[in-house]
Amino acid sequence: MNALTRPAAPLAGAAFDHPEFDAHEQVVFAHDRDTGLMAILCVHDTRLGPALGGCRVWPYASAADALTDALRLSRGMTYKNALAGLDLGGGKAVIIADPRKDKTADLMRAFGHHVERMNGSYITAEDVGVSPADMEAVAERTDHVRGTARTGLGDPSPYTALGVFVGIRAALAHVYGSDTLAGRTVSVQGLGHVGFDLASQLHAAGAKLIVSDIHAPAVDRAVAAFGAIAVDPGEAHAVEADVFAPCALGAGLNATTIPAIRARIVAGAANNQLATPADGEALKARGILYAPDYAINAGGVISIALARPGGDDALVREKTLAIAATLTRIFERARAEDVTPERIADRMAEERLAAAGR
């Protein structure tokens, strides 16, 4: 039974008791009988404005796993948008499907129909398993979509990659006193749109690359283009490197992986990298600098929030490059207060949310 035909568990009532439920304003379970769409759309917080966050297509093992991801990711978007200085709340959507086998234009149009039914409380965009063409299909059914040719700059992934690139340099400067990448080794885990673009920028700046992905052709392409060393994705965190850059799915920093990390810095594009709050403390105890994911990977949401039709990306690039300065403030304050960087990032975001709620 594939992801599209698997019956969804009766989760709506359980959402309020879910450990990842955090005063979410809306949790919508959406189904379309013609296409088999099964989606969960979450709005976490709209104190700063309508909830903006991408749509992820993934073959979750269960509807419960999909709900966990949607709740976690939507909360992360609230903090990401707040810390990036955007007048937007946080939301996220997940579609239970294999993006390589089950995804169709009709499926994405059906998803767009359900976004439209939320009447603007949620604005969708591209995420894992979703392409710019998919967003164009969504836009046929709703205006509450970003990252399309009509709404501005199209694919947001180059800006996500740019933000992570300058964020890695800020982390290097904090740890080593220099932001140069020449001679540094970076392990990039995940070679999707963002990961591959990041690898390209790192290579151009002189970094040595170790790469991994569950999709073998992406690895082969990176090895050929950058002279990278390929490893199994499950070993990417444990290789000897200056920087470990997780750019795949979340919760990869956990009680199993953290003791094996050999890099001094963890800085990548993946969302919700820490499996639990205790894992951030574990990184700090090992002397590993962690760049809070929603701070370093905000370039994509900046691009879809601030883009304007016509292709002028000057403002977007300016705000994306400023991610380096934001991270530097986080790192310095965390060191001064002897706490983890993610705690400082949370405080900075919560201060802005509290001010908006007054």
Protein backbone atom coordinates (compact mmCIF):
# COMPACT_ATOMS: atom_id res chain seq x y z
CA MET A 1 0.00 0.00 0.00
CA ASN A 2 1.63 3.27 -1.06
CA ALA A 3 1.55 6.63 0.70
CA LEU A 4 -1.41 7.88 -1.32
CA THR A 5 -3.67 4.95 -0.55
CA ARG A 6 -2.61 4.34 3.05
CA PRO A 7 -5.54 5.22 5.34
CA ALA A 8 -4.77 8.13 7.64
CA ALA A 9 -4.94 7.56 11.37
CA PRO A 10 -7.65 9.49 13.28
CA LEU A 11 -5.28 12.16 14.50
CA ALA A 12 -7.31 15.37 14.58
CA GLY A 13 -8.43 14.95 18.17
CA ALA A 14 -4.98 13.80 19.22
CA ALA A 15 -3.30 16.94 17.87
CA PHE A 16 -4.04 18.92 21.04
CA ASP A 17 -2.31 16.26 23.14
CA HIS A 18 0.63 15.85 20.77
CA PRO A 19 4.02 16.57 22.39
CA GLU A 20 4.85 18.96 19.51
CA PHE A 21 1.59 20.92 19.84
CA ASP A 22 2.56 24.43 20.96
CA ALA A 23 -0.59 26.56 21.00
CA HIS A 24 -0.94 26.14 17.23
CA GLU A 25 -3.78 28.25 15.89
CA GLN A 26 -4.88 25.83 13.15
CA VAL A 27 -4.21 22.20 12.28
CA VAL A 28 -6.04 21.19 9.09
CA PHE A 29 -6.25 17.62 7.77
CA ALA A 30 -6.98 17.74 4.03
CA HIS A 31 -7.97 14.96 1.63
CA ASP A 32 -8.95 14.87 -2.03
CA ARG A 33 -10.65 11.70 -3.27
CA ASP A 34 -9.80 12.23 -6.95
CA THR A 35 -6.03 12.58 -6.55
CA GLY A 36 -5.58 10.77 -3.25
CA LEU A 37 -4.12 13.88 -1.64
CA MET A 38 -3.46 13.51 2.07
CA ALA A 39 -2.06 16.69 3.60
CA ILE A 40 -1.70 18.39 6.96
CA LEU A 41 -1.58 22.19 7.03
CA CYS A 42 -0.49 23.88 10.28
CA VAL A 43 -0.65 27.52 11.32
CA HIS A 44 1.39 28.06 14.46
CA ASP A 45 1.32 31.81 15.17
CA THR A 46 0.01 34.87 13.31
CA ARG A 47 0.86 37.67 15.73
CA LEU A 48 3.32 39.14 13.21
CA GLY A 49 1.15 38.47 10.14
CA PRO A 50 -0.21 35.61 8.04
CA ALA A 51 1.64 32.33 8.45
CA LEU A 52 4.23 31.74 5.74
CA GLY A 53 5.95 28.38 5.33
CA GLY A 54 6.70 25.79 2.67
CA CYS A 55 4.94 22.62 1.62
CA ARG A 56 6.89 19.37 2.02
CA VAL A 57 6.12 16.21 0.01
CA TRP A 58 7.49 13.12 1.70
CA PRO A 59 6.58 9.40 1.98
CA TYR A 60 6.04 9.43 5.73
CA ALA A 61 5.82 6.01 7.36
CA SER A 62 2.59 7.05 9.06
CA ALA A 63 0.16 9.92 9.38
CA ALA A 64 1.43 10.34 12.94
CA ASP A 65 4.94 11.01 11.63
CA ALA A 66 3.54 13.55 9.17
CA LEU A 67 1.70 15.36 11.96
CA THR A 68 4.86 15.49 14.07
CA ASP A 69 6.79 17.04 11.19
CA ALA A 70 4.07 19.59 10.39
CA LEU A 71 3.76 20.73 14.00
CA ARG A 72 7.53 21.04 14.49
CA LEU A 73 8.16 22.74 11.17
CA SER A 74 5.36 25.28 11.55
CA ARG A 75 6.62 26.35 14.96
CA GLY A 76 10.10 26.65 13.50
CA MET A 77 8.78 28.96 10.80
CA THR A 78 7.30 31.28 13.43
CA TYR A 79 10.72 31.69 14.99
CA LYS A 80 12.50 31.88 11.63
CA ASN A 81 10.27 34.65 10.31
CA ALA A 82 10.46 36.57 13.58
CA LEU A 83 14.25 36.37 13.79
CA ALA A 84 14.58 37.37 10.12
CA GLY A 85 12.63 40.56 10.86
CA LEU A 86 9.69 39.62 8.63
CA ASP A 87 6.12 40.71 9.33
CA LEU A 88 4.87 37.16 8.94
CA GLY A 89 3.78 34.33 11.19
CA GLY A 90 4.75 30.69 10.93
CA GLY A 91 3.06 27.80 9.17
CA LYS A 92 3.88 24.63 7.28
CA ALA A 93 2.20 21.95 5.19
CA VAL A 94 3.13 18.34 4.52
CA ILE A 95 1.79 16.02 1.84
CA ILE A 96 2.06 12.27 2.45
CA ALA A 97 3.43 11.08 -0.90
CA ASP A 98 6.60 9.96 -2.64
CA PRO A 99 7.73 13.03 -4.62
CA ARG A 100 9.35 10.85 -7.29
CA LYS A 101 6.44 8.43 -7.76
CA ASP A 102 3.17 9.94 -6.55
CA LYS A 103 3.43 13.68 -7.12
CA THR A 104 1.43 15.08 -10.04
CA ALA A 105 0.26 18.51 -11.15
CA ASP A 106 -3.30 17.49 -10.23
CA LEU A 107 -2.17 16.53 -6.73
CA MET A 108 -0.55 19.94 -6.27
CA ARG A 109 -3.63 21.71 -7.64
CA ALA A 110 -5.75 19.82 -5.12
CA PHE A 111 -3.38 20.98 -2.39
CA GLY A 112 -3.73 24.55 -3.68
CA HIS A 113 -7.50 24.24 -3.35
CA HIS A 114 -7.14 23.45 0.35
CA VAL A 115 -4.70 26.34 0.85
CA GLU A 116 -7.31 28.62 -0.68
CA ARG A 117 -9.93 27.34 1.77
CA MET A 118 -7.79 28.65 4.64
CA ASN A 119 -8.61 32.19 3.47
CA GLY A 120 -5.12 33.62 3.72
CA SER A 121 -4.18 32.47 7.21
CA TYR A 122 -1.53 30.28 5.56
CA ILE A 123 0.73 31.19 2.63
CA THR A 124 2.52 28.23 1.06
CA ALA A 125 5.82 27.91 -0.79
CA GLU A 126 8.42 25.35 -1.89
CA ASP A 127 10.08 22.87 0.46
CA VAL A 128 11.57 19.36 0.35
CA GLY A 129 10.11 17.30 -2.48
CA VAL A 130 8.53 20.32 -4.17
CA SER A 131 9.78 22.13 -7.27
CA PRO A 132 9.08 25.60 -8.68
CA ALA A 133 6.84 23.90 -11.28
CA ASP A 134 4.82 22.36 -8.46
CA MET A 135 4.27 25.80 -6.97
CA GLU A 136 3.05 27.05 -10.32
CA ALA A 137 0.42 24.27 -10.24
CA VAL A 138 -0.57 25.27 -6.70
CA ALA A 139 -0.91 28.88 -7.89
CA GLU A 140 -3.61 27.79 -10.35
CA ARG A 141 -5.91 27.26 -7.36
CA THR A 142 -4.85 29.94 -4.89
CA ASP A 143 -3.18 33.33 -4.68
CA HIS A 144 -1.79 32.45 -1.24
CA VAL A 145 1.46 31.09 -2.63
CA ARG A 146 4.98 32.47 -3.00
CA GLY A 147 8.09 31.45 -4.89
CA THR A 148 6.44 31.51 -8.30
CA ALA A 149 7.39 33.49 -11.39
CA ARG A 150 4.33 35.71 -10.90
CA THR A 151 5.09 36.50 -7.26
CA GLY A 152 8.73 37.43 -7.71
CA LEU A 153 11.96 35.49 -7.91
CA GLY A 154 10.78 31.92 -8.33
CA ASP A 155 12.90 29.18 -6.77
CA PRO A 156 13.97 30.29 -3.24
CA SER A 157 16.65 27.63 -2.80
CA PRO A 158 19.59 29.73 -4.09
CA TYR A 159 18.91 32.28 -1.35
CA THR A 160 18.67 29.57 1.30
CA ALA A 161 22.04 28.27 0.12
CA LEU A 162 23.54 31.77 0.13
CA GLY A 163 22.39 32.35 3.72
CA VAL A 164 23.89 29.06 4.86
CA PHE A 165 27.13 29.85 3.04
CA VAL A 166 27.59 33.22 4.77
CA GLY A 167 26.43 31.65 8.03
CA ILE A 168 29.16 29.02 7.80
CA ARG A 169 31.69 31.78 7.29
CA ALA A 170 30.37 33.58 10.39
CA ALA A 171 30.73 30.36 12.38
CA LEU A 172 34.28 29.84 11.13
CA ALA A 173 35.16 33.39 12.15
CA HIS A 174 33.77 32.78 15.64
CA VAL A 175 35.60 29.49 16.17
CA TYR A 176 38.84 30.03 14.27
CA GLY A 177 39.14 33.82 14.07
CA SER A 178 38.96 33.78 10.25
CA ASP A 179 36.06 33.19 7.88
CA THR A 180 38.21 31.81 5.08
CA LEU A 181 37.10 28.51 3.57
CA ALA A 182 40.35 27.78 1.73
CA GLY A 183 41.66 24.51 3.07
CA ARG A 184 38.65 23.88 5.31
CA THR A 185 36.72 20.61 5.00
CA VAL A 186 32.92 20.62 4.97
CA SER A 187 30.70 17.53 5.08
CA VAL A 188 27.48 18.35 3.22
CA GLN A 189 24.71 15.87 4.03
CA GLY A 190 21.92 16.16 1.46
CA LEU A 191 22.36 17.33 -2.13
CA GLY A 192 18.94 18.64 -3.06
CA HIS A 193 18.42 22.11 -4.51
CA VAL A 194 19.93 23.83 -1.45
CA GLY A 195 22.63 21.31 -0.58
CA PHE A 196 24.05 21.15 -4.08
CA ASP A 197 24.05 24.95 -4.46
CA LEU A 198 25.77 25.27 -1.09
CA ALA A 199 28.38 22.71 -2.13
CA SER A 200 29.02 24.71 -5.28
CA GLN A 201 29.61 27.92 -3.32
CA LEU A 202 31.85 26.15 -0.81
CA HIS A 203 33.89 24.60 -3.62
CA ALA A 204 34.29 27.98 -5.33
CA ALA A 205 35.57 29.42 -2.04
CA GLY A 206 38.26 26.75 -1.77
CA ALA A 207 36.68 24.26 0.64
CA LYS A 208 37.31 20.53 0.46
CA LEU A 209 33.99 18.68 0.25
CA ILE A 210 32.64 15.42 1.62
CA VAL A 211 29.16 14.76 0.24
CA SER A 212 26.29 12.35 0.84
CA ASP A 213 22.71 11.84 -0.25
CA ILE A 214 20.18 9.00 -0.48
CA HIS A 215 19.88 9.82 -4.22
CA ALA A 216 23.01 8.37 -5.84
CA PRO A 217 22.93 10.50 -9.05
CA ALA A 218 23.18 13.67 -6.96
CA VAL A 219 26.27 12.32 -5.25
CA ASP A 220 27.85 11.31 -8.55
CA ARG A 221 27.21 14.78 -9.91
CA ALA A 222 28.86 16.45 -6.90
CA VAL A 223 31.88 14.15 -7.06
CA ALA A 224 32.35 14.97 -10.74
CA ALA A 225 31.77 18.72 -10.38
CA PHE A 226 33.66 19.43 -7.16
CA GLY A 227 36.12 16.60 -6.73
CA ALA A 228 34.23 15.71 -3.58
CA ILE A 229 34.62 12.55 -1.52
CA ALA A 230 31.39 10.52 -1.25
CA VAL A 231 30.26 8.83 1.96
CA ASP A 232 27.08 7.13 3.13
CA PRO A 233 24.53 9.66 4.47
CA GLY A 234 24.52 7.82 7.77
CA GLU A 235 28.24 8.51 8.18
CA ALA A 236 28.27 12.17 7.11
CA HIS A 237 28.20 13.48 10.68
CA ALA A 238 31.07 11.26 11.80
CA VAL A 239 33.72 12.10 9.22
CA GLU A 240 36.69 14.29 10.06
CA ALA A 241 35.78 17.83 8.96
CA ASP A 242 35.80 21.43 10.14
CA VAL A 243 32.09 21.86 9.43
CA PHE A 244 29.21 19.41 9.33
CA ALA A 245 26.42 20.88 7.15
CA PRO A 246 23.17 18.89 7.47
CA CYS A 247 20.96 19.80 4.50
CA ALA A 248 18.48 16.91 4.51
CA LEU A 249 15.68 16.14 6.97
CA GLY A 250 15.48 17.20 10.61
CA ALA A 251 16.22 15.57 13.98
CA GLY A 252 19.63 14.44 12.72
CA LEU A 253 21.38 15.83 15.80
CA ASN A 254 20.49 13.40 18.54
CA ALA A 255 21.84 11.17 21.30
CA THR A 256 23.16 8.71 18.72
CA THR A 257 24.87 11.08 16.29
CA ILE A 258 26.24 13.83 18.53
CA PRO A 259 28.86 11.70 20.31
CA ALA A 260 30.27 10.72 16.89
CA ILE A 261 30.53 14.24 15.41
CA ARG A 262 34.13 15.18 14.72
CA ALA A 263 33.55 18.69 13.33
CA ARG A 264 33.93 21.84 15.43
CA ILE A 265 30.91 23.46 13.75
CA VAL A 266 27.43 22.26 12.79
CA ALA A 267 25.86 24.66 10.30
CA GLY A 268 23.43 23.54 7.62
CA ALA A 269 20.13 24.10 5.88
CA ALA A 270 17.99 21.32 7.39
CA ASN A 271 15.04 22.35 9.54
CA ASN A 272 14.62 21.23 13.16
CA GLN A 273 18.05 19.67 13.35
CA LEU A 274 17.97 19.09 17.11
CA ALA A 275 15.89 16.06 18.03
CA THR A 276 15.38 17.43 21.56
CA PRO A 277 16.45 20.55 23.48
CA ALA A 278 18.93 18.38 25.38
CA ASP A 279 20.82 17.78 22.15
CA GLY A 280 21.78 21.44 21.93
CA GLU A 281 23.27 21.17 25.42
CA ALA A 282 25.12 18.03 24.34
CA LEU A 283 26.72 19.88 21.42
CA LYS A 284 27.79 22.70 23.72
CA ALA A 285 29.26 20.23 26.22
CA ARG A 286 31.39 18.77 23.43
CA GLY A 287 32.64 22.21 22.37
CA ILE A 288 30.77 22.10 19.05
CA LEU A 289 29.32 25.39 17.80
CA TYR A 290 25.77 24.96 16.51
CA ALA A 291 24.29 27.53 14.12
CA PRO A 292 20.55 27.53 14.96
CA ASP A 293 18.85 26.15 11.88
CA TYR A 294 16.05 28.68 11.61
CA ALA A 295 18.56 31.51 11.80
CA ILE A 296 21.02 30.23 9.20
CA ASN A 297 18.51 28.86 6.67
CA ALA A 298 16.24 31.92 6.50
CA GLY A 299 17.41 33.05 3.05
CA GLY A 300 14.65 31.16 1.28
CA VAL A 301 11.83 32.61 3.32
CA ILE A 302 13.38 36.06 3.00
CA SER A 303 13.33 35.67 -0.78
CA ILE A 304 9.69 34.62 -0.96
CA ALA A 305 8.59 37.22 1.57
CA LEU A 306 10.38 40.23 0.09
CA ALA A 307 10.61 39.38 -3.61
CA ARG A 308 8.83 41.62 -6.06
CA PRO A 309 7.93 40.91 -9.68
CA GLY A 310 10.59 42.02 -12.14
CA GLY A 311 13.56 40.05 -10.88
CA ASP A 312 15.28 42.74 -8.77
CA ASP A 313 16.72 40.82 -5.82
CA ALA A 314 18.87 43.56 -4.27
CA LEU A 315 16.80 43.79 -1.08
CA VAL A 316 16.56 40.02 -0.78
CA ARG A 317 20.31 39.59 -1.12
CA GLU A 318 20.97 42.37 1.40
CA LYS A 319 18.71 40.73 4.01
CA THR A 320 20.11 37.28 3.25
CA LEU A 321 23.71 38.42 3.61
CA ALA A 322 22.72 39.96 6.97
CA ILE A 323 22.20 36.41 8.29
CA ALA A 324 25.94 36.38 9.00
CA ALA A 325 25.64 39.40 11.29
CA THR A 326 22.60 37.91 13.06
CA LEU A 327 24.50 34.69 13.73
CA THR A 328 27.52 36.59 14.98
CA ARG A 329 25.29 38.36 17.53
CA ILE A 330 23.81 35.02 18.57
CA PHE A 331 27.22 33.37 18.96
CA GLU A 332 28.68 36.27 20.94
CA ARG A 333 25.69 36.57 23.26
CA ALA A 334 25.63 32.79 23.80
CA ARG A 335 29.31 32.82 24.75
CA ALA A 336 28.87 35.80 27.08
CA GLU A 337 25.88 34.21 28.83
CA ASP A 338 27.31 30.67 28.71
CA VAL A 339 24.19 29.21 27.10
CA THR A 340 23.51 27.44 23.82
CA PRO A 341 23.11 29.51 20.62
CA GLU A 342 19.60 28.18 20.02
CA ARG A 343 18.46 29.47 23.41
CA ILE A 344 19.66 32.94 22.45
CA ALA A 345 17.99 32.69 19.04
CA ASP A 346 14.74 31.64 20.70
CA ARG A 347 14.90 34.58 23.09
CA MET A 348 15.48 37.05 20.28
CA ALA A 349 12.51 35.69 18.34
CA GLU A 350 10.26 35.53 21.40
CA GLU A 351 11.07 39.13 22.29
CA ARG A 352 9.78 40.22 18.89
CA LEU A 353 6.67 38.02 19.13
CA ALA A 354 5.86 39.32 22.60
CA ALA A 355 6.15 42.90 21.40
CA ALA A 356 3.76 42.17 18.53
CA GLY A 357 1.25 40.58 20.87
CA ARG A 358 0.93 43.59 23.15
